[in-house]
Amino acid sequence: MNSASLTLRAFRLIVTGGGTGGHTYPALTAIRTLQERLAGEGRGLDVLWIGTPGGLEARVAPAEGIPFTTVATGKIRRSSNPLKMLSPANAKDMARVPLGVAQARKIISDFRPDVVLATGGYVAVPAGLGARLCKRPLVLHEQTVRLGLANRKLAGSAAKIAVSSESTVPLLPESVRGAAVVTGNPVRAEVLSGHPDKAVTALGLHGFDRRLPTVYVTGGAQGSQQINEVVAGALPWLLERANVIHQCGPANVEELRRRAAGLAAEPASRYHLAGFMGPELPDVLALADVVVSRSGAGTLAELTALGKPAVFIPLATSAGNEQAHNARHLAEAGAAVALLGEVTAAGLTEAVGPLLTDPARRNAMADRARAHGRPDAASRLVDVILSAASG
């Protein structure tokens, strides 16, 4: 094989991680970006995704034309009480991990990847350990401020640890800090390319007063009962000061529509209720002046890359309370407002009010949010992947 054919050999990548969008979409964005980078060099990309049959990645990878396979794995059910960690369910699942490691080792040995990229979720553990056993470079990517459980277990085996924030590095074990690289959290390119006027046209927002700020409320694809209740309680107050786009989850539309039926015609024309946001989401984000949302890692990455002022209502049951840590991290920098603990309609109006009535304050928060954003995070992560492959 001559040097030219070596240069054009396809890059081989195994991706592992998933369960939720927070682990799945950064991996998908990295794959797309790596593919584009290699294509510019005249090279191809061969990818294999190792996931779980019930995770989001089992739908996303095949839909993107990415070969997909599964290994046995076990989910740790966390508790602040160590005795509850010794539950029969945990014991049963942990017994599956050695089988998963053996399966992953065979998959990796057969595929012979240049790099294994692990983005978190419990499926990453057997695949990451399989990479170590096969002596293949392992790159971890951490989306949250604090290292997730799977990545903590794998940190000692990693060639590189890509983190989303500088504040993560001091939280790593001292022995692995030298492997850390701050990349940010990859954001889908389409999220960064929205246009406000397209949102107005697509959603028919012709009753909106463009002289007023627009608030986008979202609780994620399925909605959030907590956020829906708080916003419904504050809605008349909000509509005196803003236009509101409320993505509430498909199951909640009719109930919220009934609750909004008593609004007067003029403020009601400034309220758009939707169960789900699809391709129009980038345009909605471009239109929004303030966002009220959960504080998952993907949401933070998108909003900071766009420089959007936000009021975060963290999901209290998120693993390791990571959403509260994410929200607090930005709030302490003046880049967002974090509503922690019990959240009420009055608390929401107190938090969002200054952002709606004071454009200078809103712009200052946008600037601070943008300072924490890394729209080039996917490209940075690809740099790390290629660096790990070259040793």
Protein backbone atom coordinates (compact mmCIF):
# COMPACT_ATOMS: atom_id res chain seq x y z
CA MET A 1 0.00 0.00 0.00
CA ASN A 2 1.55 3.28 -1.08
CA SER A 3 1.51 6.57 0.81
CA ALA A 4 -1.34 8.00 -1.30
CA SER A 5 -3.68 5.13 -0.45
CA LEU A 6 -2.75 5.43 3.21
CA THR A 7 -3.64 9.11 3.16
CA LEU A 8 -7.06 8.41 1.66
CA ARG A 9 -7.92 5.53 3.99
CA ALA A 10 -11.30 6.08 5.66
CA PHE A 11 -11.18 7.18 9.27
CA ARG A 12 -12.84 4.61 11.53
CA LEU A 13 -14.80 5.86 14.53
CA ILE A 14 -16.83 4.08 17.16
CA VAL A 15 -19.29 6.27 19.04
CA THR A 16 -20.85 5.17 22.29
CA GLY A 17 -23.26 6.99 24.52
CA GLY A 18 -26.87 7.95 24.61
CA GLY A 19 -30.06 7.25 26.49
CA THR A 20 -31.06 10.91 26.26
CA GLY A 21 -30.68 13.75 23.79
CA GLY A 22 -28.03 15.32 26.00
CA HIS A 23 -25.67 12.44 25.23
CA THR A 24 -26.94 11.57 21.75
CA TYR A 25 -27.05 14.87 19.84
CA PRO A 26 -23.52 16.05 20.70
CA ALA A 27 -22.25 12.73 19.36
CA LEU A 28 -24.30 13.08 16.19
CA THR A 29 -23.07 16.64 15.66
CA ALA A 30 -19.47 15.51 16.12
CA ILE A 31 -19.98 12.75 13.54
CA ARG A 32 -21.40 15.20 10.99
CA THR A 33 -18.58 17.68 11.59
CA LEU A 34 -15.87 15.01 11.37
CA GLN A 35 -17.41 13.72 8.15
CA GLU A 36 -17.30 17.22 6.63
CA ARG A 37 -13.71 17.75 7.77
CA LEU A 38 -12.54 14.46 6.28
CA ALA A 39 -14.46 15.00 3.03
CA GLY A 40 -12.53 18.25 2.58
CA GLU A 41 -9.35 16.18 2.75
CA GLY A 42 -10.64 13.56 0.31
CA ARG A 43 -11.20 10.97 3.04
CA GLY A 44 -14.24 9.02 4.10
CA LEU A 45 -15.62 8.17 7.55
CA ASP A 46 -16.72 4.74 8.73
CA VAL A 47 -18.81 4.95 11.89
CA LEU A 48 -20.32 2.38 14.21
CA TRP A 49 -22.54 3.42 17.12
CA ILE A 50 -22.72 1.26 20.24
CA GLY A 51 -25.84 2.01 22.25
CA THR A 52 -28.84 0.52 24.02
CA PRO A 53 -31.97 -0.77 22.29
CA GLY A 54 -34.24 1.49 24.32
CA GLY A 55 -32.22 4.72 24.18
CA LEU A 56 -32.77 7.68 21.88
CA GLU A 57 -29.62 6.71 19.98
CA ALA A 58 -31.35 3.52 18.76
CA ARG A 59 -33.69 5.73 16.72
CA VAL A 60 -31.32 8.58 15.84
CA ALA A 61 -28.38 6.55 14.52
CA PRO A 62 -30.32 4.40 12.00
CA ALA A 63 -32.30 7.48 10.88
CA GLU A 64 -28.95 9.11 10.05
CA GLY A 65 -27.74 6.02 8.19
CA ILE A 66 -25.22 5.16 10.92
CA PRO A 67 -24.68 1.43 11.60
CA PHE A 68 -25.85 0.63 15.12
CA THR A 69 -25.27 -2.20 17.54
CA THR A 70 -25.96 -2.86 21.21
CA VAL A 71 -24.20 -4.36 24.20
CA ALA A 72 -25.46 -5.52 27.56
CA THR A 73 -25.25 -2.84 30.21
CA GLY A 74 -26.54 -1.91 33.63
CA LYS A 75 -28.13 1.27 34.88
CA ILE A 76 -27.14 2.58 38.32
CA ARG A 77 -30.16 3.85 40.26
CA ARG A 78 -28.66 6.60 42.36
CA SER A 79 -29.62 7.54 45.90
CA SER A 80 -28.22 9.80 48.59
CA ASN A 81 -28.57 6.78 50.89
CA PRO A 82 -25.65 4.37 50.17
CA LEU A 83 -27.70 1.43 51.45
CA LYS A 84 -30.34 2.04 48.79
CA MET A 85 -27.61 1.83 46.15
CA LEU A 86 -27.30 -1.86 47.12
CA SER A 87 -30.73 -2.61 45.72
CA PRO A 88 -31.53 -5.90 43.97
CA ALA A 89 -32.17 -3.97 40.74
CA ASN A 90 -28.72 -2.35 40.89
CA ALA A 91 -27.07 -5.66 41.69
CA LYS A 92 -28.82 -7.36 38.78
CA ASP A 93 -27.89 -4.63 36.32
CA MET A 94 -24.27 -4.41 37.45
CA ALA A 95 -23.92 -8.14 36.88
CA ARG A 96 -24.60 -7.43 33.20
CA VAL A 97 -21.65 -5.08 32.83
CA PRO A 98 -18.94 -7.79 32.46
CA LEU A 99 -20.96 -9.34 29.63
CA GLY A 100 -21.27 -5.90 28.02
CA VAL A 101 -17.51 -5.35 28.29
CA ALA A 102 -16.85 -8.70 26.61
CA GLN A 103 -19.30 -7.86 23.82
CA ALA A 104 -17.82 -4.39 23.35
CA ARG A 105 -14.30 -5.79 23.27
CA LYS A 106 -15.22 -8.11 20.41
CA ILE A 107 -17.00 -5.34 18.49
CA ILE A 108 -14.05 -2.99 18.86
CA SER A 109 -11.53 -5.69 18.02
CA ASP A 110 -13.43 -6.54 14.82
CA PHE A 111 -14.07 -2.90 13.77
CA ARG A 112 -10.57 -1.65 14.62
CA PRO A 113 -11.48 2.03 15.12
CA ASP A 114 -8.95 4.82 15.06
CA VAL A 115 -10.78 6.34 18.04
CA VAL A 116 -13.65 5.48 20.36
CA LEU A 117 -15.73 8.53 21.33
CA ALA A 118 -17.82 8.22 24.49
CA THR A 119 -20.37 10.91 25.25
CA GLY A 120 -21.84 9.54 28.47
CA GLY A 121 -24.78 7.45 29.56
CA TYR A 122 -24.40 4.06 31.17
CA VAL A 123 -23.81 2.28 27.83
CA ALA A 124 -20.51 4.18 27.55
CA VAL A 125 -18.96 2.20 30.42
CA PRO A 126 -18.65 -1.24 28.80
CA ALA A 127 -17.69 0.28 25.45
CA GLY A 128 -15.10 2.54 27.07
CA LEU A 129 -13.60 -0.36 28.98
CA GLY A 130 -13.62 -2.39 25.77
CA ALA A 131 -11.58 0.36 24.11
CA ARG A 132 -9.04 0.18 26.91
CA LEU A 133 -8.76 -3.61 26.60
CA CYS A 134 -8.27 -3.29 22.83
CA LYS A 135 -5.73 -0.48 23.30
CA ARG A 136 -7.72 1.92 21.17
CA PRO A 137 -7.65 5.68 21.97
CA LEU A 138 -10.67 6.67 24.03
CA VAL A 139 -11.99 10.24 23.89
CA LEU A 140 -14.56 11.26 26.48
CA HIS A 141 -16.88 14.18 26.00
CA GLU A 142 -18.61 15.69 29.04
CA GLN A 143 -21.59 17.96 28.41
CA THR A 144 -22.26 19.13 31.97
CA VAL A 145 -20.26 21.27 34.39
CA ARG A 146 -19.55 18.26 36.57
CA LEU A 147 -18.29 14.94 35.20
CA GLY A 148 -21.12 12.43 34.82
CA LEU A 149 -20.99 9.02 36.46
CA ALA A 150 -20.00 7.09 33.31
CA ASN A 151 -17.25 9.53 32.43
CA ARG A 152 -15.93 9.49 35.99
CA LYS A 153 -15.58 5.73 35.73
CA LEU A 154 -13.77 6.00 32.40
CA ALA A 155 -11.59 9.07 33.03
CA GLY A 156 -8.50 7.04 33.94
CA SER A 157 -8.72 5.13 30.64
CA ALA A 158 -9.10 8.15 28.37
CA ALA A 159 -6.49 9.54 25.99
CA LYS A 160 -8.39 12.86 25.97
CA ILE A 161 -11.22 14.28 28.05
CA ALA A 162 -13.17 16.98 26.22
CA VAL A 163 -15.11 19.19 28.62
CA SER A 164 -17.64 21.93 28.00
CA SER A 165 -16.42 24.49 30.53
CA GLU A 166 -13.16 25.70 32.02
CA SER A 167 -14.75 25.30 35.45
CA THR A 168 -14.90 21.53 34.90
CA VAL A 169 -11.13 21.06 34.81
CA PRO A 170 -10.48 21.69 38.55
CA LEU A 171 -13.26 19.20 39.35
CA LEU A 172 -11.41 16.38 37.57
CA PRO A 173 -9.16 14.03 39.51
CA GLU A 174 -5.69 15.59 39.50
CA SER A 175 -4.25 12.52 37.80
CA VAL A 176 -6.31 13.07 34.63
CA ARG A 177 -6.37 16.87 34.34
CA GLY A 178 -3.51 16.77 31.85
CA ALA A 179 -5.81 14.92 29.42
CA ALA A 180 -8.53 17.60 29.62
CA VAL A 181 -9.30 19.89 26.69
CA VAL A 182 -11.99 22.58 26.83
CA THR A 183 -14.05 22.20 23.66
CA GLY A 184 -17.56 23.26 24.65
CA ASN A 185 -20.66 21.23 23.90
CA PRO A 186 -21.37 20.65 20.18
CA VAL A 187 -24.42 22.52 18.90
CA ARG A 188 -26.28 21.47 15.76
CA ALA A 189 -25.38 23.84 12.94
CA GLU A 190 -29.02 24.42 12.02
CA VAL A 191 -29.74 25.83 15.49
CA LEU A 192 -27.34 28.69 14.78
CA SER A 193 -28.86 29.67 11.44
CA GLY A 194 -32.42 30.74 12.36
CA HIS A 195 -34.20 33.89 11.18
CA PRO A 196 -36.87 35.74 13.24
CA ASP A 197 -39.13 36.62 10.30
CA LYS A 198 -39.31 32.96 9.27
CA ALA A 199 -40.70 32.09 12.71
CA VAL A 200 -43.42 34.73 12.32
CA THR A 201 -44.40 33.28 8.94
CA ALA A 202 -44.14 29.60 9.88
CA LEU A 203 -46.16 29.92 13.08
CA GLY A 204 -48.52 32.62 11.88
CA LEU A 205 -47.53 35.05 14.62
CA HIS A 206 -49.24 37.99 12.95
CA GLY A 207 -50.80 39.20 16.21
CA PHE A 208 -47.40 39.63 17.82
CA ASP A 209 -46.30 43.17 18.62
CA ARG A 210 -42.70 43.30 17.43
CA ARG A 211 -42.14 46.40 19.57
CA LEU A 212 -42.41 44.10 22.60
CA PRO A 213 -39.85 41.46 23.55
CA THR A 214 -40.69 37.84 22.78
CA VAL A 215 -40.43 35.12 25.43
CA TYR A 216 -39.95 31.50 24.36
CA VAL A 217 -41.03 28.96 26.98
CA THR A 218 -40.04 25.32 26.66
CA GLY A 219 -39.93 22.29 28.89
CA GLY A 220 -38.39 20.02 26.29
CA ALA A 221 -40.02 17.79 23.70
CA GLN A 222 -42.56 16.35 26.14
CA GLY A 223 -43.11 19.61 27.97
CA SER A 224 -42.81 20.22 31.69
CA GLN A 225 -45.81 20.20 34.01
CA GLN A 226 -43.95 22.42 36.44
CA ILE A 227 -43.05 25.06 33.84
CA ASN A 228 -46.52 24.89 32.27
CA GLU A 229 -48.21 25.56 35.62
CA VAL A 230 -45.91 28.43 36.51
CA VAL A 231 -46.28 30.10 33.11
CA ALA A 232 -50.06 29.63 33.06
CA GLY A 233 -50.25 31.40 36.43
CA ALA A 234 -48.12 34.30 35.18
CA LEU A 235 -49.58 34.50 31.67
CA PRO A 236 -51.80 37.62 31.99
CA TRP A 237 -48.88 39.49 33.55
CA LEU A 238 -46.47 38.26 30.86
CA LEU A 239 -48.75 39.23 27.98
CA GLU A 240 -48.95 42.81 29.22
CA ARG A 241 -45.20 43.06 28.64
CA ALA A 242 -44.27 40.53 25.97
CA ASN A 243 -45.23 38.16 23.20
CA VAL A 244 -45.10 34.53 24.37
CA ILE A 245 -44.37 31.35 22.42
CA HIS A 246 -45.10 28.41 24.71
CA GLN A 247 -43.96 24.93 23.71
CA CYS A 248 -45.85 22.86 26.26
CA GLY A 249 -45.66 19.22 25.15
CA PRO A 250 -48.25 17.46 22.93
CA ALA A 251 -50.22 16.05 25.86
CA ASN A 252 -50.73 19.45 27.47
CA VAL A 253 -52.03 21.60 24.61
CA GLU A 254 -55.78 21.22 25.19
CA GLU A 255 -55.62 21.88 28.93
CA LEU A 256 -53.51 25.01 28.47
CA ARG A 257 -55.73 26.17 25.64
CA ARG A 258 -58.73 25.94 27.95
CA ARG A 259 -56.90 27.90 30.64
CA ALA A 260 -55.98 30.63 28.15
CA ALA A 261 -59.54 30.88 26.79
CA GLY A 262 -60.41 33.66 29.23
CA LEU A 263 -57.75 36.03 27.90
CA ALA A 264 -58.92 39.19 26.18
CA ALA A 265 -58.54 39.18 22.40
CA GLU A 266 -55.63 41.61 22.23
CA PRO A 267 -53.26 39.85 24.68
CA ALA A 268 -54.44 36.45 23.41
CA SER A 269 -53.15 37.39 19.95
CA ARG A 270 -49.66 37.62 21.47
CA TYR A 271 -49.78 34.06 22.87
CA HIS A 272 -48.79 31.12 20.67
CA LEU A 273 -49.22 27.65 22.14
CA ALA A 274 -47.54 24.64 20.53
CA GLY A 275 -47.15 21.04 21.59
CA PHE A 276 -43.84 20.55 19.82
CA MET A 277 -41.26 22.56 17.90
CA GLY A 278 -39.81 20.93 14.81
CA PRO A 279 -37.79 22.47 11.96
CA GLU A 280 -38.98 25.95 12.97
CA LEU A 281 -37.09 25.81 16.28
CA PRO A 282 -33.96 27.67 15.05
CA ASP A 283 -36.18 30.49 13.80
CA VAL A 284 -38.11 30.60 17.08
CA LEU A 285 -34.84 30.86 19.00
CA ALA A 286 -33.71 33.65 16.68
CA LEU A 287 -36.95 35.53 17.40
CA ALA A 288 -36.80 35.03 21.18
CA ASP A 289 -35.45 37.82 23.37
CA VAL A 290 -35.73 35.77 26.57
CA VAL A 291 -35.99 31.99 27.04
CA VAL A 292 -37.63 30.22 29.98
CA SER A 293 -36.55 26.58 30.08
CA ARG A 294 -34.94 23.64 31.80
CA SER A 295 -31.17 23.75 32.11
CA GLY A 296 -29.93 20.59 30.46
CA ALA A 297 -26.47 20.69 28.97
CA GLY A 298 -27.70 20.82 25.38
CA THR A 299 -30.03 23.72 26.13
CA LEU A 300 -27.22 25.66 27.80
CA ALA A 301 -24.92 25.04 24.84
CA GLU A 302 -27.50 26.30 22.36
CA LEU A 303 -28.57 29.36 24.32
CA THR A 304 -25.03 30.50 25.12
CA ALA A 305 -23.88 29.95 21.53
CA LEU A 306 -26.80 32.17 20.46
CA GLY A 307 -26.32 34.66 23.30
CA LYS A 308 -29.85 34.35 24.66
CA PRO A 309 -30.83 35.68 28.11
CA ALA A 310 -32.51 32.84 29.98
CA VAL A 311 -34.47 32.08 33.12
CA PHE A 312 -33.72 28.48 34.05
CA ILE A 313 -36.04 26.23 36.03
CA PRO A 314 -33.86 23.13 36.59
CA LEU A 315 -35.31 19.63 36.58
CA ALA A 316 -35.01 18.61 40.22
CA THR A 317 -34.74 14.90 39.40
CA SER A 318 -31.88 15.22 36.88
CA ALA A 319 -29.01 12.79 37.47
CA GLY A 320 -26.68 14.11 40.15
CA ASN A 321 -28.78 17.30 40.26
CA GLU A 322 -26.75 18.36 37.23
CA GLN A 323 -29.35 20.80 35.88
CA ALA A 324 -29.20 22.87 39.08
CA HIS A 325 -25.39 22.95 38.84
CA ASN A 326 -25.60 23.99 35.18
CA ALA A 327 -28.06 26.80 35.94
CA ARG A 328 -26.14 28.02 38.98
CA HIS A 329 -22.90 28.11 36.98
CA LEU A 330 -24.34 30.57 34.44
CA ALA A 331 -26.31 32.54 37.02
CA GLU A 332 -23.18 33.20 39.08
CA ALA A 333 -21.59 34.67 35.94
CA GLY A 334 -24.58 36.93 35.32
CA ALA A 335 -25.32 35.00 32.12
CA ALA A 336 -28.75 33.71 33.21
CA VAL A 337 -31.23 33.65 36.08
CA ALA A 338 -31.64 30.40 38.02
CA LEU A 339 -34.88 29.62 39.86
CA LEU A 340 -33.97 26.94 42.36
CA GLY A 341 -36.16 25.16 44.88
CA GLU A 342 -39.90 25.87 44.85
CA VAL A 343 -40.88 27.91 41.81
CA THR A 344 -44.05 29.99 41.67
CA ALA A 345 -45.69 32.32 39.17
CA ALA A 346 -44.67 35.24 41.37
CA GLY A 347 -41.09 34.03 41.41
CA LEU A 348 -41.08 33.77 37.62
CA THR A 349 -42.42 37.30 37.14
CA GLU A 350 -39.84 38.64 39.59
CA ALA A 351 -37.07 36.93 37.64
CA VAL A 352 -38.17 37.74 34.10
CA GLY A 353 -39.60 41.21 34.73
CA PRO A 354 -36.30 43.15 34.71
CA LEU A 355 -35.29 41.45 31.47
CA LEU A 356 -38.53 42.44 29.76
CA THR A 357 -38.61 46.05 30.90
CA ASP A 358 -34.91 46.91 30.66
CA PRO A 359 -33.36 46.29 27.21
CA ALA A 360 -29.91 47.30 28.48
CA ARG A 361 -30.05 44.67 31.18
CA ARG A 362 -31.24 42.11 28.67
CA ASN A 363 -28.42 42.96 26.29
CA ALA A 364 -25.82 42.76 29.06
CA MET A 365 -27.01 39.27 30.00
CA ALA A 366 -26.95 38.29 26.33
CA ASP A 367 -23.34 39.40 26.08
CA ARG A 368 -22.39 37.39 29.18
CA ALA A 369 -24.21 34.34 27.87
CA ARG A 370 -22.43 34.67 24.52
CA ALA A 371 -19.09 34.84 26.33
CA HIS A 372 -19.81 31.35 27.69
CA GLY A 373 -20.94 30.01 24.32
CA ARG A 374 -18.81 27.95 21.98
CA PRO A 375 -20.47 27.79 18.57
CA ASP A 376 -17.31 26.09 17.26
CA ALA A 377 -17.46 23.31 19.87
CA ALA A 378 -18.04 20.55 17.31
CA SER A 379 -14.96 21.61 15.35
CA ARG A 380 -12.92 21.71 18.56
CA LEU A 381 -14.09 18.21 19.48
CA VAL A 382 -13.12 16.94 16.02
CA ASP A 383 -9.65 18.42 16.59
CA VAL A 384 -9.42 16.36 19.80
CA ILE A 385 -10.59 13.18 18.06
CA LEU A 386 -8.02 13.55 15.27
CA SER A 387 -5.29 14.40 17.77
CA ALA A 388 -6.06 11.27 19.79
CA ALA A 389 -5.91 9.14 16.64
CA SER A 390 -2.47 10.45 15.75
CA GLY A 391 -1.18 9.76 19.27
